[in-house]
Amino acid sequence: MMNKHLLRAAFSVCGIGLLSLGFISCIKDYTCRCEISYSGKPGLPEPTVKEYSIKDNGSGAASKCKAASRVTTEMGITTTETCDLY
């Protein structure tokens, strides 16, 4: 009877450990790629690409990357930064 309880406890601890490893393994480095383009005046630079690393799970990395997208206008020049997980 005692062995049965010890066996259950061991499986419970192992199950929790494996479950934790599963969550940890989802966190990895992702690359966020942002294309930056300019408009509004002649002679502006060609579009450029900026890449940086995000360490998170897939959905967290995608949210952080998308949040980096923006459009700003200053002195008649519009800068558009469009970011996607790569």
Protein backbone atom coordinates (compact mmCIF):
# COMPACT_ATOMS: atom_id res chain seq x y z
CA MET A 1 0.00 0.00 0.00
CA MET A 2 2.81 2.40 0.88
CA ASN A 3 4.63 1.63 -2.38
CA LYS A 4 1.53 2.59 -4.33
CA HIS A 5 1.48 6.06 -2.70
CA LEU A 6 5.22 6.57 -3.27
CA LEU A 7 4.83 5.61 -6.90
CA ARG A 8 1.97 8.11 -7.35
CA ALA A 9 4.00 10.85 -5.68
CA ALA A 10 6.98 10.14 -7.94
CA PHE A 11 4.81 10.32 -11.06
CA SER A 12 3.22 13.55 -9.83
CA VAL A 13 6.60 15.20 -9.29
CA CYS A 14 7.90 13.94 -12.65
CA GLY A 15 4.75 15.12 -14.40
CA ILE A 16 5.13 18.61 -12.96
CA GLY A 17 8.80 18.64 -13.96
CA LEU A 18 8.01 17.59 -17.51
CA LEU A 19 5.21 20.12 -17.72
CA SER A 20 7.58 22.87 -16.57
CA LEU A 21 10.17 21.83 -19.14
CA GLY A 22 7.49 22.04 -21.81
CA PHE A 23 6.79 25.68 -20.94
CA ILE A 24 10.46 26.56 -20.76
CA SER A 25 11.23 24.94 -24.09
CA CYS A 26 8.72 27.21 -25.85
CA ILE A 27 10.79 30.26 -24.95
CA LYS A 28 13.43 30.85 -27.58
CA ASP A 29 15.02 33.56 -29.70
CA TYR A 30 12.88 34.92 -32.53
CA THR A 31 13.88 37.52 -35.09
CA CYS A 32 11.75 40.60 -35.56
CA ARG A 33 12.26 42.22 -38.96
CA CYS A 34 11.15 45.81 -39.51
CA GLU A 35 11.02 47.51 -42.90
CA ILE A 36 11.42 51.27 -42.61
CA SER A 37 10.26 53.47 -45.46
CA TYR A 38 10.07 57.24 -45.89
CA SER A 39 7.67 59.46 -47.85
CA GLY A 40 6.58 63.06 -48.14
CA LYS A 41 9.55 64.77 -49.79
CA PRO A 42 11.83 64.03 -52.73
CA GLY A 43 15.30 62.60 -52.19
CA LEU A 44 14.53 60.54 -49.08
CA PRO A 45 16.49 57.33 -48.41
CA GLU A 46 15.42 54.01 -49.89
CA PRO A 47 13.58 51.63 -47.56
CA THR A 48 15.82 49.88 -45.04
CA VAL A 49 15.45 46.74 -42.94
CA LYS A 50 16.24 46.46 -39.25
CA GLU A 51 16.32 43.10 -37.44
CA TYR A 52 16.55 42.36 -33.75
CA SER A 53 16.12 39.36 -31.48
CA ILE A 54 13.20 38.78 -29.12
CA LYS A 55 13.42 36.05 -26.48
CA ASP A 56 9.91 34.88 -25.65
CA ASN A 57 7.35 32.26 -26.59
CA GLY A 58 5.87 32.42 -30.09
CA SER A 59 2.78 34.50 -29.37
CA GLY A 60 4.63 36.83 -26.99
CA ALA A 61 7.38 37.44 -29.54
CA ALA A 62 4.82 38.09 -32.28
CA SER A 63 2.98 40.63 -30.09
CA LYS A 64 6.16 42.45 -29.13
CA CYS A 65 7.33 42.56 -32.73
CA LYS A 66 3.99 43.86 -34.06
CA ALA A 67 3.97 46.50 -31.30
CA ALA A 68 7.20 47.92 -32.75
CA SER A 69 5.33 48.88 -35.96
CA ARG A 70 4.54 52.59 -36.17
CA VAL A 71 3.97 55.56 -38.42
CA THR A 72 5.38 58.97 -37.48
CA THR A 73 5.36 62.29 -39.30
CA GLU A 74 7.83 65.04 -38.60
CA MET A 75 8.54 68.12 -40.70
CA GLY A 76 6.48 66.71 -43.59
CA ILE A 77 8.36 63.37 -43.70
CA THR A 78 6.38 60.25 -42.87
CA THR A 79 8.35 57.30 -41.53
CA THR A 80 6.56 53.95 -41.70
CA GLU A 81 8.02 51.04 -39.74
CA THR A 82 6.30 47.71 -40.45
CA CYS A 83 7.47 44.83 -38.25
CA ASP A 84 6.81 41.09 -38.52
CA LEU A 85 8.24 38.01 -36.88
CA TYR A 86 10.71 36.42 -39.25
